[in-house]
Amino acid sequence: MGNRAGFADNRATELPIPPKGVLRDYAETILICVIFVVFTRAFIFQQSKIPSGSMEDTLLIGDYIMVNRFVFSPAPTA
């Protein structure tokens, strides 16, 4: 191409990026954890409480169970 003598080198004039603050770092970490928990509870695990005695032989009224939704999801069709 041609001589670019008229253009200044932008790398020399760039300001350094300031480091993130501690509060912002904590906020980002908490937000990522909340998104992970919401995704996990929506698509992978479901927590349930046993409301009645219909499964009295194996589960008591008031027991909590966690169901793996990924395993019991519908099988893909071909």
C-alpha atoms as a PDB file:
ATOM      1  CA  MET A   1       0.000   0.000   0.000  1.00  0.00           C
ATOM      2  CA  GLY A   2       1.343   3.439   0.546  1.00  0.00           C
ATOM      3  CA  ASN A   3       3.241   5.211   3.217  1.00  0.00           C
ATOM      4  CA  ARG A   4       1.103   5.807   6.304  1.00  0.00           C
ATOM      5  CA  ALA A   5       3.286   8.484   7.826  1.00  0.00           C
ATOM      6  CA  GLY A   6       0.253  10.629   8.592  1.00  0.00           C
ATOM      7  CA  PHE A   7      -1.210   8.089  11.032  1.00  0.00           C
ATOM      8  CA  ALA A   8       0.018   8.057  14.605  1.00  0.00           C
ATOM      9  CA  ASP A   9       0.717   4.778  16.355  1.00  0.00           C
ATOM     10  CA  ASN A  10      -2.372   4.240  18.528  1.00  0.00           C
ATOM     11  CA  ARG A  11      -0.689   1.661  20.733  1.00  0.00           C
ATOM     12  CA  ALA A  12       1.544   4.286  22.292  1.00  0.00           C
ATOM     13  CA  THR A  13      -1.381   6.556  23.217  1.00  0.00           C
ATOM     14  CA  GLU A  14      -3.768   3.914  24.620  1.00  0.00           C
ATOM     15  CA  LEU A  15      -4.549   4.260  28.286  1.00  0.00           C
ATOM     16  CA  PRO A  16      -4.000   1.204  30.462  1.00  0.00           C
ATOM     17  CA  ILE A  17      -7.187  -0.646  31.444  1.00  0.00           C
ATOM     18  CA  PRO A  18      -7.875  -0.080  35.144  1.00  0.00           C
ATOM     19  CA  PRO A  19      -8.243  -3.229  37.250  1.00  0.00           C
ATOM     20  CA  LYS A  20     -11.733  -4.326  38.271  1.00  0.00           C
ATOM     21  CA  GLY A  21     -12.844  -3.363  41.730  1.00  0.00           C
ATOM     22  CA  VAL A  22     -13.420  -5.924  44.432  1.00  0.00           C
ATOM     23  CA  LEU A  23     -17.160  -5.172  44.522  1.00  0.00           C
ATOM     24  CA  ARG A  24     -17.510  -5.705  40.767  1.00  0.00           C
ATOM     25  CA  ASP A  25     -15.544  -8.951  40.978  1.00  0.00           C
ATOM     26  CA  TYR A  26     -17.832 -10.264  43.737  1.00  0.00           C
ATOM     27  CA  ALA A  27     -20.952  -9.139  41.852  1.00  0.00           C
ATOM     28  CA  GLU A  28     -19.845 -10.944  38.677  1.00  0.00           C
ATOM     29  CA  THR A  29     -19.055 -14.120  40.630  1.00  0.00           C
ATOM     30  CA  ILE A  30     -22.421 -14.082  42.392  1.00  0.00           C
ATOM     31  CA  LEU A  31     -24.271 -13.418  39.126  1.00  0.00           C
ATOM     32  CA  ILE A  32     -22.549 -16.342  37.399  1.00  0.00           C
ATOM     33  CA  CYS A  33     -23.394 -18.629  40.329  1.00  0.00           C
ATOM     34  CA  VAL A  34     -27.055 -17.535  40.314  1.00  0.00           C
ATOM     35  CA  ILE A  35     -27.326 -18.141  36.560  1.00  0.00           C
ATOM     36  CA  PHE A  36     -25.753 -21.587  37.005  1.00  0.00           C
ATOM     37  CA  VAL A  37     -28.167 -22.523  39.834  1.00  0.00           C
ATOM     38  CA  VAL A  38     -31.237 -21.301  37.909  1.00  0.00           C
ATOM     39  CA  PHE A  39     -30.173 -23.235  34.794  1.00  0.00           C
ATOM     40  CA  THR A  40     -29.435 -26.364  36.833  1.00  0.00           C
ATOM     41  CA  ARG A  41     -32.778 -26.268  38.669  1.00  0.00           C
ATOM     42  CA  ALA A  42     -34.703 -25.602  35.460  1.00  0.00           C
ATOM     43  CA  PHE A  43     -33.175 -28.253  33.213  1.00  0.00           C
ATOM     44  CA  ILE A  44     -31.214 -30.808  35.226  1.00  0.00           C
ATOM     45  CA  PHE A  45     -32.487 -31.211  38.809  1.00  0.00           C
ATOM     46  CA  GLN A  46     -35.880 -30.759  40.425  1.00  0.00           C
ATOM     47  CA  GLN A  47     -36.429 -30.702  44.174  1.00  0.00           C
ATOM     48  CA  SER A  48     -39.758 -31.994  45.472  1.00  0.00           C
ATOM     49  CA  LYS A  49     -41.418 -32.544  48.821  1.00  0.00           C
ATOM     50  CA  ILE A  50     -43.557 -35.645  49.354  1.00  0.00           C
ATOM     51  CA  PRO A  51     -47.032 -34.218  50.193  1.00  0.00           C
ATOM     52  CA  SER A  52     -49.017 -37.403  50.870  1.00  0.00           C
ATOM     53  CA  GLY A  53     -48.647 -40.958  52.066  1.00  0.00           C
ATOM     54  CA  SER A  54     -48.990 -42.578  48.647  1.00  0.00           C
ATOM     55  CA  MET A  55     -45.390 -43.808  48.803  1.00  0.00           C
ATOM     56  CA  GLU A  56     -45.430 -44.620  52.512  1.00  0.00           C
ATOM     57  CA  ASP A  57     -43.420 -47.833  52.090  1.00  0.00           C
ATOM     58  CA  THR A  58     -40.346 -46.035  50.721  1.00  0.00           C
ATOM     59  CA  LEU A  59     -40.831 -42.302  51.378  1.00  0.00           C
ATOM     60  CA  LEU A  60     -42.392 -40.594  54.372  1.00  0.00           C
ATOM     61  CA  ILE A  61     -44.692 -37.576  54.302  1.00  0.00           C
ATOM     62  CA  GLY A  62     -42.560 -34.434  54.268  1.00  0.00           C
ATOM     63  CA  ASP A  63     -39.429 -36.074  52.824  1.00  0.00           C
ATOM     64  CA  TYR A  64     -37.502 -34.119  50.217  1.00  0.00           C
ATOM     65  CA  ILE A  65     -36.276 -35.773  47.032  1.00  0.00           C
ATOM     66  CA  MET A  66     -34.149 -34.565  44.173  1.00  0.00           C
ATOM     67  CA  VAL A  67     -34.993 -35.806  40.678  1.00  0.00           C
ATOM     68  CA  ASN A  68     -32.480 -35.889  37.834  1.00  0.00           C
ATOM     69  CA  ARG A  69     -34.551 -34.402  35.000  1.00  0.00           C
ATOM     70  CA  PHE A  70     -31.839 -35.026  32.432  1.00  0.00           C
ATOM     71  CA  VAL A  71     -32.076 -38.814  32.861  1.00  0.00           C
ATOM     72  CA  PHE A  72     -35.885 -38.864  32.667  1.00  0.00           C
ATOM     73  CA  SER A  73     -36.206 -36.474  29.735  1.00  0.00           C
ATOM     74  CA  PRO A  74     -37.886 -37.710  26.547  1.00  0.00           C
ATOM     75  CA  ALA A  75     -35.639 -39.682  24.226  1.00  0.00           C
ATOM     76  CA  PRO A  76     -34.718 -37.926  20.982  1.00  0.00           C
ATOM     77  CA  THR A  77     -36.577 -39.151  17.943  1.00  0.00           C
ATOM     78  CA  ALA A  78     -34.803 -40.061  14.758  1.00  0.00           C
END
